[in-house]
Amino acid sequence: MITSKNNSEHYIWGENCDSWVLNNSQNLSVKQEKIPSHTSEQFHFHENAEQFFYILGGEAVFYIQDEKILVKKGQGISILPRTKHYISNESTEDLEFLVISSPSTNNDRILI
């Protein structure tokens, strides 16, 4: 089956952020997400999941452990399990990205 934002499960999280679930199996999760301007998620880590974020539009600021990293459109970043992190949109444009997690992050998010 071909999937897109148009035919995928959608939910709102955080401060009016969008998530479209493109794939969600026990071993792999693929989501397309959109974060409005000047919005971020909470500091957290995943016990088991490795994640890869690929920026489709805008630019993301990642806070990983004690480091601040800017990731622009067309760039990606990997985050290993047990690594404290969060993504932030500190720009005036919407931030849109893919987040690919293996295994799925279902029940694997620990807030700090």
PDB file of N, CA and C in Angstrom:
ATOM      1  N   MET A   1       0.830  -1.182   0.000  1.00  0.00           N
ATOM      2  CA  MET A   1       0.000   0.000   0.000  1.00  0.00           C
ATOM      3  C   MET A   1       0.880   1.254   0.000  1.00  0.00           C
ATOM      4  N   ILE A   2       0.545   2.194  -0.820  1.00  0.00           N
ATOM      5  CA  ILE A   2       1.261   3.470  -0.863  1.00  0.00           C
ATOM      6  C   ILE A   2       0.702   4.365   0.230  1.00  0.00           C
ATOM      7  N   THR A   3       1.592   4.951   1.029  1.00  0.00           N
ATOM      8  CA  THR A   3       1.155   5.815   2.121  1.00  0.00           C
ATOM      9  C   THR A   3       1.599   7.252   1.896  1.00  0.00           C
ATOM     10  N   SER A   4       0.819   8.158   2.440  1.00  0.00           N
ATOM     11  CA  SER A   4       1.136   9.586   2.398  1.00  0.00           C
ATOM     12  C   SER A   4       0.444  10.250   3.576  1.00  0.00           C
ATOM     13  N   LYS A   5       0.648  11.547   3.731  1.00  0.00           N
ATOM     14  CA  LYS A   5      -0.045  12.292   4.772  1.00  0.00           C
ATOM     15  C   LYS A   5      -1.555  12.198   4.576  1.00  0.00           C
ATOM     16  N   ASN A   6      -1.998  12.075   3.329  1.00  0.00           N
ATOM     17  CA  ASN A   6      -3.425  12.073   3.021  1.00  0.00           C
ATOM     18  C   ASN A   6      -4.160  10.818   3.481  1.00  0.00           C
ATOM     19  N   ASN A   7      -3.465   9.684   3.590  1.00  0.00           N
ATOM     20  CA  ASN A   7      -4.153   8.448   3.960  1.00  0.00           C
ATOM     21  C   ASN A   7      -3.575   7.792   5.216  1.00  0.00           C
ATOM     22  N   SER A   8      -2.828   8.559   6.010  1.00  0.00           N
ATOM     23  CA  SER A   8      -2.207   8.019   7.220  1.00  0.00           C
ATOM     24  C   SER A   8      -2.893   8.532   8.480  1.00  0.00           C
ATOM     25  N   GLU A   9      -2.742   7.763   9.546  1.00  0.00           N
ATOM     26  CA  GLU A   9      -3.242   8.212  10.851  1.00  0.00           C
ATOM     27  C   GLU A   9      -2.586   9.544  11.200  1.00  0.00           C
ATOM     28  N   HIS A  10      -3.363  10.469  11.738  1.00  0.00           N
ATOM     29  CA  HIS A  10      -2.862  11.791  12.109  1.00  0.00           C
ATOM     30  C   HIS A  10      -3.194  12.061  13.570  1.00  0.00           C
ATOM     31  N   TYR A  11      -2.277  12.701  14.284  1.00  0.00           N
ATOM     32  CA  TYR A  11      -2.587  13.148  15.639  1.00  0.00           C
ATOM     33  C   TYR A  11      -1.840  14.443  15.937  1.00  0.00           C
ATOM     34  N   ILE A  12      -2.346  15.167  16.924  1.00  0.00           N
ATOM     35  CA  ILE A  12      -1.749  16.424  17.389  1.00  0.00           C
ATOM     36  C   ILE A  12      -1.009  16.132  18.684  1.00  0.00           C
ATOM     37  N   TRP A  13       0.183  16.674  18.834  1.00  0.00           N
ATOM     38  CA  TRP A  13       0.951  16.504  20.063  1.00  0.00           C
ATOM     39  C   TRP A  13       1.553  17.849  20.457  1.00  0.00           C
ATOM     40  N   GLY A  14       1.997  17.942  21.698  1.00  0.00           N
ATOM     41  CA  GLY A  14       2.671  19.154  22.175  1.00  0.00           C
ATOM     42  C   GLY A  14       1.830  20.402  21.966  1.00  0.00           C
ATOM     43  N   GLU A  15       2.487  21.452  21.493  1.00  0.00           N
ATOM     44  CA  GLU A  15       1.854  22.751  21.280  1.00  0.00           C
ATOM     45  C   GLU A  15       1.387  22.889  19.830  1.00  0.00           C
ATOM     46  N   ASN A  16       0.341  22.130  19.464  1.00  0.00           N
ATOM     47  CA  ASN A  16      -0.242  22.166  18.128  1.00  0.00           C
ATOM     48  C   ASN A  16       0.700  21.639  17.038  1.00  0.00           C
ATOM     49  N   CYS A  17       1.466  20.616  17.380  1.00  0.00           N
ATOM     50  CA  CYS A  17       2.351  19.949  16.417  1.00  0.00           C
ATOM     51  C   CYS A  17       1.578  18.798  15.768  1.00  0.00           C
ATOM     52  N   ASP A  18       1.874  18.534  14.495  1.00  0.00           N
ATOM     53  CA  ASP A  18       1.205  17.475  13.744  1.00  0.00           C
ATOM     54  C   ASP A  18       2.123  16.276  13.561  1.00  0.00           C
ATOM     55  N   SER A  19       1.512  15.100  13.558  1.00  0.00           N
ATOM     56  CA  SER A  19       2.236  13.879  13.248  1.00  0.00           C
ATOM     57  C   SER A  19       1.373  12.998  12.357  1.00  0.00           C
ATOM     58  N   TRP A  20       1.952  12.527  11.262  1.00  0.00           N
ATOM     59  CA  TRP A  20       1.309  11.573  10.368  1.00  0.00           C
ATOM     60  C   TRP A  20       2.086  10.267  10.466  1.00  0.00           C
ATOM     61  N   VAL A  21       1.423   9.182  10.823  1.00  0.00           N
ATOM     62  CA  VAL A  21       2.071   7.884  11.016  1.00  0.00           C
ATOM     63  C   VAL A  21       2.100   7.167   9.665  1.00  0.00           C
ATOM     64  N   LEU A  22       3.256   7.177   9.016  1.00  0.00           N
ATOM     65  CA  LEU A  22       3.402   6.561   7.698  1.00  0.00           C
ATOM     66  C   LEU A  22       3.629   5.058   7.798  1.00  0.00           C
ATOM     67  N   ASN A  23       4.281   4.631   8.880  1.00  0.00           N
ATOM     68  CA  ASN A  23       4.512   3.204   9.143  1.00  0.00           C
ATOM     69  C   ASN A  23       4.668   3.037  10.647  1.00  0.00           C
ATOM     70  N   ASN A  24       4.025   2.002  11.186  1.00  0.00           N
ATOM     71  CA  ASN A  24       4.182   1.746  12.606  1.00  0.00           C
ATOM     72  C   ASN A  24       4.086   0.252  12.864  1.00  0.00           C
ATOM     73  N   SER A  25       5.241  -0.382  12.910  1.00  0.00           N
ATOM     74  CA  SER A  25       5.304  -1.797  13.255  1.00  0.00           C
ATOM     75  C   SER A  25       6.159  -1.915  14.512  1.00  0.00           C
ATOM     76  N   GLN A  26       6.268  -3.102  15.037  1.00  0.00           N
ATOM     77  CA  GLN A  26       7.058  -3.302  16.253  1.00  0.00           C
ATOM     78  C   GLN A  26       8.519  -2.916  16.042  1.00  0.00           C
ATOM     79  N   ASN A  27       9.042  -3.153  14.839  1.00  0.00           N
ATOM     80  CA  ASN A  27      10.459  -2.921  14.588  1.00  0.00           C
ATOM     81  C   ASN A  27      10.787  -1.607  13.905  1.00  0.00           C
ATOM     82  N   LEU A  28       9.765  -0.898  13.390  1.00  0.00           N
ATOM     83  CA  LEU A  28      10.047   0.314  12.629  1.00  0.00           C
ATOM     84  C   LEU A  28       8.869   1.285  12.705  1.00  0.00           C
ATOM     85  N   SER A  29       9.197   2.548  12.971  1.00  0.00           N
ATOM     86  CA  SER A  29       8.213   3.617  12.955  1.00  0.00           C
ATOM     87  C   SER A  29       8.721   4.710  12.020  1.00  0.00           C
ATOM     88  N   VAL A  30       7.840   5.184  11.133  1.00  0.00           N
ATOM     89  CA  VAL A  30       8.168   6.296  10.247  1.00  0.00           C
ATOM     90  C   VAL A  30       7.036   7.310  10.366  1.00  0.00           C
ATOM     91  N   LYS A  31       7.384   8.526  10.770  1.00  0.00           N
ATOM     92  CA  LYS A  31       6.393   9.592  10.935  1.00  0.00           C
ATOM     93  C   LYS A  31       6.861  10.844  10.217  1.00  0.00           C
ATOM     94  N   GLN A  32       5.900  11.549   9.640  1.00  0.00           N
ATOM     95  CA  GLN A  32       6.165  12.878   9.102  1.00  0.00           C
ATOM     96  C   GLN A  32       5.543  13.837  10.097  1.00  0.00           C
ATOM     97  N   GLU A  33       6.337  14.813  10.552  1.00  0.00           N
ATOM     98  CA  GLU A  33       5.852  15.710  11.591  1.00  0.00           C
ATOM     99  C   GLU A  33       6.062  17.164  11.203  1.00  0.00           C
ATOM    100  N   LYS A  34       5.231  18.009  11.798  1.00  0.00           N
ATOM    101  CA  LYS A  34       5.328  19.448  11.564  1.00  0.00           C
ATOM    102  C   LYS A  34       5.256  20.155  12.912  1.00  0.00           C
ATOM    103  N   ILE A  35       6.236  21.036  13.145  1.00  0.00           N
ATOM    104  CA  ILE A  35       6.304  21.818  14.374  1.00  0.00           C
ATOM    105  C   ILE A  35       6.189  23.292  13.997  1.00  0.00           C
ATOM    106  N   PRO A  36       5.186  23.990  14.551  1.00  0.00           N
ATOM    107  CA  PRO A  36       5.048  25.423  14.257  1.00  0.00           C
ATOM    108  C   PRO A  36       6.240  26.230  14.781  1.00  0.00           C
ATOM    109  N   SER A  37       6.338  27.430  14.292  1.00  0.00           N
ATOM    110  CA  SER A  37       7.373  28.372  14.703  1.00  0.00           C
ATOM    111  C   SER A  37       7.400  28.536  16.222  1.00  0.00           C
ATOM    112  N   HIS A  38       8.608  28.604  16.764  1.00  0.00           N
ATOM    113  CA  HIS A  38       8.850  28.861  18.198  1.00  0.00           C
ATOM    114  C   HIS A  38       8.164  27.838  19.106  1.00  0.00           C
ATOM    115  N   THR A  39       8.246  26.570  18.710  1.00  0.00           N
ATOM    116  CA  THR A  39       7.677  25.455  19.469  1.00  0.00           C
ATOM    117  C   THR A  39       8.744  24.376  19.607  1.00  0.00           C
ATOM    118  N   SER A  40       8.666  23.604  20.689  1.00  0.00           N
ATOM    119  CA  SER A  40       9.614  22.497  20.860  1.00  0.00           C
ATOM    120  C   SER A  40       8.933  21.354  21.598  1.00  0.00           C
ATOM    121  N   GLU A  41       9.600  20.212  21.604  1.00  0.00           N
ATOM    122  CA  GLU A  41       9.109  19.089  22.382  1.00  0.00           C
ATOM    123  C   GLU A  41       9.841  19.071  23.715  1.00  0.00           C
ATOM    124  N   GLN A  42       9.534  18.097  24.569  1.00  0.00           N
ATOM    125  CA  GLN A  42      10.151  18.002  25.887  1.00  0.00           C
ATOM    126  C   GLN A  42      11.431  17.174  25.834  1.00  0.00           C
ATOM    127  N   PHE A  43      12.346  17.489  26.740  1.00  0.00           N
ATOM    128  CA  PHE A  43      13.595  16.747  26.888  1.00  0.00           C
ATOM    129  C   PHE A  43      13.245  15.314  27.300  1.00  0.00           C
ATOM    130  N   HIS A  44      13.800  14.329  26.584  1.00  0.00           N
ATOM    131  CA  HIS A  44      13.475  12.930  26.840  1.00  0.00           C
ATOM    132  C   HIS A  44      14.567  12.032  26.270  1.00  0.00           C
ATOM    133  N   PHE A  45      14.387  10.730  26.451  1.00  0.00           N
ATOM    134  CA  PHE A  45      15.235   9.751  25.769  1.00  0.00           C
ATOM    135  C   PHE A  45      14.410   8.499  25.519  1.00  0.00           C
ATOM    136  N   HIS A  46      14.955   7.626  24.686  1.00  0.00           N
ATOM    137  CA  HIS A  46      14.323   6.344  24.382  1.00  0.00           C
ATOM    138  C   HIS A  46      15.265   5.251  24.858  1.00  0.00           C
ATOM    139  N   GLU A  47      14.720   4.340  25.617  1.00  0.00           N
ATOM    140  CA  GLU A  47      15.525   3.247  26.175  1.00  0.00           C
ATOM    141  C   GLU A  47      16.058   2.334  25.076  1.00  0.00           C
ATOM    142  N   ASN A  48      15.238   2.030  24.059  1.00  0.00           N
ATOM    143  CA  ASN A  48      15.605   1.042  23.040  1.00  0.00           C
ATOM    144  C   ASN A  48      15.740   1.587  21.629  1.00  0.00           C
ATOM    145  N   ALA A  49      15.001   2.624  21.299  1.00  0.00           N
ATOM    146  CA  ALA A  49      14.907   3.068  19.909  1.00  0.00           C
ATOM    147  C   ALA A  49      16.065   3.972  19.493  1.00  0.00           C
ATOM    148  N   GLU A  50      16.603   3.690  18.318  1.00  0.00           N
ATOM    149  CA  GLU A  50      17.496   4.612  17.625  1.00  0.00           C
ATOM    150  C   GLU A  50      16.610   5.418  16.683  1.00  0.00           C
ATOM    151  N   GLN A  51      16.901   6.718  16.546  1.00  0.00           N
ATOM    152  CA  GLN A  51      16.081   7.562  15.692  1.00  0.00           C
ATOM    153  C   GLN A  51      16.938   8.283  14.664  1.00  0.00           C
ATOM    154  N   PHE A  52      16.316   8.512  13.498  1.00  0.00           N
ATOM    155  CA  PHE A  52      16.934   9.328  12.457  1.00  0.00           C
ATOM    156  C   PHE A  52      15.913  10.380  12.050  1.00  0.00           C
ATOM    157  N   PHE A  53      16.324  11.647  12.121  1.00  0.00           N
ATOM    158  CA  PHE A  53      15.486  12.774  11.738  1.00  0.00           C
ATOM    159  C   PHE A  53      16.013  13.333  10.418  1.00  0.00           C
ATOM    160  N   TYR A  54      15.117  13.536   9.444  1.00  0.00           N
ATOM    161  CA  TYR A  54      15.477  14.119   8.155  1.00  0.00           C
ATOM    162  C   TYR A  54      14.592  15.337   7.930  1.00  0.00           C
ATOM    163  N   ILE A  55      15.220  16.502   7.744  1.00  0.00           N
ATOM    164  CA  ILE A  55      14.501  17.765   7.646  1.00  0.00           C
ATOM    165  C   ILE A  55      14.005  17.980   6.211  1.00  0.00           C
ATOM    166  N   LEU A  56      12.661  18.103   6.075  1.00  0.00           N
ATOM    167  CA  LEU A  56      12.023  18.320   4.780  1.00  0.00           C
ATOM    168  C   LEU A  56      11.834  19.803   4.479  1.00  0.00           C
ATOM    169  N   GLY A  57      11.640  20.608   5.515  1.00  0.00           N
ATOM    170  CA  GLY A  57      11.430  22.042   5.338  1.00  0.00           C
ATOM    171  C   GLY A  57      11.699  22.783   6.621  1.00  0.00           C
ATOM    172  N   GLY A  58      12.248  23.983   6.491  1.00  0.00           N
ATOM    173  CA  GLY A  58      12.622  24.759   7.664  1.00  0.00           C
ATOM    174  C   GLY A  58      13.971  24.316   8.197  1.00  0.00           C
ATOM    175  N   GLU A  59      14.240  24.652   9.457  1.00  0.00           N
ATOM    176  CA  GLU A  59      15.472  24.189  10.097  1.00  0.00           C
ATOM    177  C   GLU A  59      15.187  23.862  11.554  1.00  0.00           C
ATOM    178  N   ALA A  60      15.837  22.819  12.020  1.00  0.00           N
ATOM    179  CA  ALA A  60      15.618  22.308  13.370  1.00  0.00           C
ATOM    180  C   ALA A  60      16.821  22.616  14.243  1.00  0.00           C
ATOM    181  N   VAL A  61      16.549  22.837  15.503  1.00  0.00           N
ATOM    182  CA  VAL A  61      17.609  22.919  16.502  1.00  0.00           C
ATOM    183  C   VAL A  61      17.418  21.702  17.402  1.00  0.00           C
ATOM    184  N   PHE A  62      18.442  20.868  17.473  1.00  0.00           N
ATOM    185  CA  PHE A  62      18.421  19.701  18.340  1.00  0.00           C
ATOM    186  C   PHE A  62      19.267  19.985  19.566  1.00  0.00           C
ATOM    187  N   TYR A  63      18.719  19.659  20.699  1.00  0.00           N
ATOM    188  CA  TYR A  63      19.462  19.694  21.950  1.00  0.00           C
ATOM    189  C   TYR A  63      19.715  18.240  22.296  1.00  0.00           C
ATOM    190  N   ILE A  64      20.984  17.838  22.198  1.00  0.00           N
ATOM    191  CA  ILE A  64      21.379  16.447  22.404  1.00  0.00           C
ATOM    192  C   ILE A  64      22.422  16.428  23.514  1.00  0.00           C
ATOM    193  N   GLN A  65      22.041  15.769  24.632  1.00  0.00           N
ATOM    194  CA  GLN A  65      22.858  15.807  25.849  1.00  0.00           C
ATOM    195  C   GLN A  65      23.088  17.282  26.198  1.00  0.00           C
ATOM    196  N   ASP A  66      24.302  17.777  26.147  1.00  0.00           N
ATOM    197  CA  ASP A  66      24.600  19.177  26.467  1.00  0.00           C
ATOM    198  C   ASP A  66      24.960  19.991  25.234  1.00  0.00           C
ATOM    199  N   GLU A  67      24.643  19.470  24.053  1.00  0.00           N
ATOM    200  CA  GLU A  67      25.052  20.109  22.800  1.00  0.00           C
ATOM    201  C   GLU A  67      23.839  20.661  22.042  1.00  0.00           C
ATOM    202  N   LYS A  68      24.023  21.794  21.370  1.00  0.00           N
ATOM    203  CA  LYS A  68      22.987  22.407  20.525  1.00  0.00           C
ATOM    204  C   LYS A  68      23.456  22.279  19.078  1.00  0.00           C
ATOM    205  N   ILE A  69      22.610  21.659  18.207  1.00  0.00           N
ATOM    206  CA  ILE A  69      23.004  21.375  16.832  1.00  0.00           C
ATOM    207  C   ILE A  69      21.918  21.874  15.882  1.00  0.00           C
ATOM    208  N   LEU A  70      22.304  22.673  14.890  1.00  0.00           N
ATOM    209  CA  LEU A  70      21.385  23.166  13.864  1.00  0.00           C
ATOM    210  C   LEU A  70      21.382  22.189  12.687  1.00  0.00           C
ATOM    211  N   VAL A  71      20.199  21.748  12.271  1.00  0.00           N
ATOM    212  CA  VAL A  71      20.055  20.824  11.143  1.00  0.00           C
ATOM    213  C   VAL A  71      19.098  21.482  10.146  1.00  0.00           C
ATOM    214  N   LYS A  72      19.585  21.685   8.915  1.00  0.00           N
ATOM    215  CA  LYS A  72      18.839  22.417   7.896  1.00  0.00           C
ATOM    216  C   LYS A  72      18.129  21.481   6.928  1.00  0.00           C
ATOM    217  N   LYS A  73      17.247  22.066   6.108  1.00  0.00           N
ATOM    218  CA  LYS A  73      16.520  21.327   5.079  1.00  0.00           C
ATOM    219  C   LYS A  73      17.491  20.506   4.237  1.00  0.00           C
ATOM    220  N   GLY A  74      17.153  19.241   4.014  1.00  0.00           N
ATOM    221  CA  GLY A  74      18.000  18.355   3.229  1.00  0.00           C
ATOM    222  C   GLY A  74      19.084  17.673   4.042  1.00  0.00           C
ATOM    223  N   GLN A  75      19.101  17.887   5.357  1.00  0.00           N
ATOM    224  CA  GLN A  75      20.088  17.257   6.242  1.00  0.00           C
ATOM    225  C   GLN A  75      19.369  16.349   7.240  1.00  0.00           C
ATOM    226  N   GLY A  76      20.123  15.419   7.814  1.00  0.00           N
ATOM    227  CA  GLY A  76      19.568  14.506   8.801  1.00  0.00           C
ATOM    228  C   GLY A  76      20.512  14.304   9.962  1.00  0.00           C
ATOM    229  N   ILE A  77      19.985  13.734  11.039  1.00  0.00           N
ATOM    230  CA  ILE A  77      20.798  13.468  12.225  1.00  0.00           C
ATOM    231  C   ILE A  77      20.291  12.200  12.906  1.00  0.00           C
ATOM    232  N   SER A  78      21.217  11.384  13.399  1.00  0.00           N
ATOM    233  CA  SER A  78      20.888  10.156  14.130  1.00  0.00           C
ATOM    234  C   SER A  78      21.022  10.387  15.628  1.00  0.00           C
ATOM    235  N   ILE A  79      20.115   9.744  16.366  1.00  0.00           N
ATOM    236  CA  ILE A  79      20.166   9.812  17.823  1.00  0.00           C
ATOM    237  C   ILE A  79      20.097   8.389  18.356  1.00  0.00           C
ATOM    238  N   LEU A  80      21.119   8.004  19.092  1.00  0.00           N
ATOM    239  CA  LEU A  80      21.211   6.644  19.613  1.00  0.00           C
ATOM    240  C   LEU A  80      20.326   6.452  20.835  1.00  0.00           C
ATOM    241  N   PRO A  81      19.969   5.198  21.150  1.00  0.00           N
ATOM    242  CA  PRO A  81      19.171   4.932  22.349  1.00  0.00           C
ATOM    243  C   PRO A  81      19.856   5.505  23.596  1.00  0.00           C
ATOM    244  N   ARG A  82      19.039   5.878  24.579  1.00  0.00           N
ATOM    245  CA  ARG A  82      19.468   6.406  25.878  1.00  0.00           C
ATOM    246  C   ARG A  82      20.152   7.770  25.790  1.00  0.00           C
ATOM    247  N   THR A  83      20.029   8.441  24.634  1.00  0.00           N
ATOM    248  CA  THR A  83      20.611   9.769  24.460  1.00  0.00           C
ATOM    249  C   THR A  83      19.538  10.816  24.746  1.00  0.00           C
ATOM    250  N   LYS A  84      19.786  11.674  25.720  1.00  0.00           N
ATOM    251  CA  LYS A  84      18.829  12.719  26.079  1.00  0.00           C
ATOM    252  C   LYS A  84      18.782  13.757  24.965  1.00  0.00           C
ATOM    253  N   HIS A  85      17.540  14.101  24.534  1.00  0.00           N
ATOM    254  CA  HIS A  85      17.417  15.014  23.402  1.00  0.00           C
ATOM    255  C   HIS A  85      16.028  15.640  23.318  1.00  0.00           C
ATOM    256  N   TYR A  86      15.942  16.689  22.525  1.00  0.00           N
ATOM    257  CA  TYR A  86      14.665  17.211  22.053  1.00  0.00           C
ATOM    258  C   TYR A  86      14.908  18.063  20.826  1.00  0.00           C
ATOM    259  N   ILE A  87      13.844  18.248  20.033  1.00  0.00           N
ATOM    260  CA  ILE A  87      13.896  19.040  18.809  1.00  0.00           C
ATOM    261  C   ILE A  87      13.116  20.325  19.050  1.00  0.00           C
ATOM    262  N   SER A  88      13.620  21.415  18.480  1.00  0.00           N
ATOM    263  CA  SER A  88      13.012  22.722  18.660  1.00  0.00           C
ATOM    264  C   SER A  88      12.961  23.459  17.326  1.00  0.00           C
ATOM    265  N   ASN A  89      11.899  24.230  17.132  1.00  0.00           N
ATOM    266  CA  ASN A  89      11.795  25.104  15.970  1.00  0.00           C
ATOM    267  C   ASN A  89      11.938  26.533  16.482  1.00  0.00           C
ATOM    268  N   GLU A  90      13.109  27.097  16.313  1.00  0.00           N
ATOM    269  CA  GLU A  90      13.392  28.437  16.822  1.00  0.00           C
ATOM    270  C   GLU A  90      13.310  29.490  15.719  1.00  0.00           C
ATOM    271  N   SER A  91      12.775  29.095  14.550  1.00  0.00           N
ATOM    272  CA  SER A  91      12.673  29.995  13.400  1.00  0.00           C
ATOM    273  C   SER A  91      11.255  30.563  13.292  1.00  0.00           C
ATOM    274  N   THR A  92      11.033  31.347  12.263  1.00  0.00           N
ATOM    275  CA  THR A  92       9.716  31.937  12.020  1.00  0.00           C
ATOM    276  C   THR A  92       8.885  31.110  11.035  1.00  0.00           C
ATOM    277  N   GLU A  93       9.452  30.024  10.497  1.00  0.00           N
ATOM    278  CA  GLU A  93       8.758  29.139   9.552  1.00  0.00           C
ATOM    279  C   GLU A  93       8.388  27.828  10.243  1.00  0.00           C
ATOM    280  N   ASP A  94       7.387  27.116   9.685  1.00  0.00           N
ATOM    281  CA  ASP A  94       7.087  25.763  10.152  1.00  0.00           C
ATOM    282  C   ASP A  94       8.287  24.862   9.881  1.00  0.00           C
ATOM    283  N   LEU A  95       8.467  23.882  10.728  1.00  0.00           N
ATOM    284  CA  LEU A  95       9.506  22.869  10.572  1.00  0.00           C
ATOM    285  C   LEU A  95       8.819  21.561  10.227  1.00  0.00           C
ATOM    286  N   GLU A  96       9.214  20.937   9.108  1.00  0.00           N
ATOM    287  CA  GLU A  96       8.637  19.654   8.720  1.00  0.00           C
ATOM    288  C   GLU A  96       9.761  18.650   8.524  1.00  0.00           C
ATOM    289  N   PHE A  97       9.549  17.425   9.043  1.00  0.00           N
ATOM    290  CA  PHE A  97      10.621  16.428   9.018  1.00  0.00           C
ATOM    291  C   PHE A  97      10.054  15.024   9.071  1.00  0.00           C
ATOM    292  N   LEU A  98      10.912  14.064   8.705  1.00  0.00           N
ATOM    293  CA  LEU A  98      10.632  12.648   8.913  1.00  0.00           C
ATOM    294  C   LEU A  98      11.393  12.209  10.153  1.00  0.00           C
ATOM    295  N   VAL A  99      10.759  11.382  10.963  1.00  0.00           N
ATOM    296  CA  VAL A  99      11.465  10.743  12.072  1.00  0.00           C
ATOM    297  C   VAL A  99      11.262   9.238  11.922  1.00  0.00           C
ATOM    298  N   ILE A 100      12.381   8.542  11.816  1.00  0.00           N
ATOM    299  CA  ILE A 100      12.396   7.097  11.600  1.00  0.00           C
ATOM    300  C   ILE A 100      12.999   6.462  12.848  1.00  0.00           C
ATOM    301  N   SER A 101      12.264   5.548  13.464  1.00  0.00           N
ATOM    302  CA  SER A 101      12.692   4.956  14.732  1.00  0.00           C
ATOM    303  C   SER A 101      12.713   3.442  14.617  1.00  0.00           C
ATOM    304  N   SER A 102      13.786   2.848  15.137  1.00  0.00           N
ATOM    305  CA  SER A 102      13.898   1.395  15.148  1.00  0.00           C
ATOM    306  C   SER A 102      14.497   0.944  16.476  1.00  0.00           C
ATOM    307  N   PRO A 103      13.775   0.086  17.231  1.00  0.00           N
ATOM    308  CA  PRO A 103      12.394  -0.299  17.011  1.00  0.00           C
ATOM    309  C   PRO A 103      11.465   0.893  17.236  1.00  0.00           C
ATOM    310  N   SER A 104      10.170   0.662  17.124  1.00  0.00           N
ATOM    311  CA  SER A 104       9.184   1.722  17.331  1.00  0.00           C
ATOM    312  C   SER A 104       9.365   2.350  18.709  1.00  0.00           C
ATOM    313  N   THR A 105       9.004   3.627  18.817  1.00  0.00           N
ATOM    314  CA  THR A 105       9.102   4.326  20.105  1.00  0.00           C
ATOM    315  C   THR A 105       7.855   4.145  20.962  1.00  0.00           C
ATOM    316  N   ASN A 106       6.910   3.324  20.532  1.00  0.00           N
ATOM    317  CA  ASN A 106       5.719   3.066  21.350  1.00  0.00           C
ATOM    318  C   ASN A 106       6.135   2.559  22.730  1.00  0.00           C
ATOM    319  N   ASN A 107       5.677   3.243  23.760  1.00  0.00           N
ATOM    320  CA  ASN A 107       6.004   2.907  25.152  1.00  0.00           C
ATOM    321  C   ASN A 107       7.502   2.929  25.451  1.00  0.00           C
ATOM    322  N   ASP A 108       8.253   3.742  24.722  1.00  0.00           N
ATOM    323  CA  ASP A 108       9.715   3.800  24.892  1.00  0.00           C
ATOM    324  C   ASP A 108      10.195   5.244  25.025  1.00  0.00           C
ATOM    325  N   ARG A 109       9.375   6.122  25.540  1.00  0.00           N
ATOM    326  CA  ARG A 109       9.725   7.534  25.695  1.00  0.00           C
ATOM    327  C   ARG A 109       9.771   7.850  27.183  1.00  0.00           C
ATOM    328  N   ILE A 110      10.934   8.250  27.667  1.00  0.00           N
ATOM    329  CA  ILE A 110      11.113   8.579  29.084  1.00  0.00           C
ATOM    330  C   ILE A 110      11.385  10.075  29.190  1.00  0.00           C
ATOM    331  N   LEU A 111      10.432  10.808  29.807  1.00  0.00           N
ATOM    332  CA  LEU A 111      10.604  12.254  29.994  1.00  0.00           C
ATOM    333  C   LEU A 111      11.594  12.535  31.107  1.00  0.00           C
ATOM    334  N   ILE A 112      12.327  13.630  30.949  1.00  0.00           N
ATOM    335  CA  ILE A 112      13.343  14.008  31.948  1.00  0.00           C
ATOM    336  C   ILE A 112      12.848  15.216  32.721  1.00  0.00           C
TER     337      ILE A 112
END
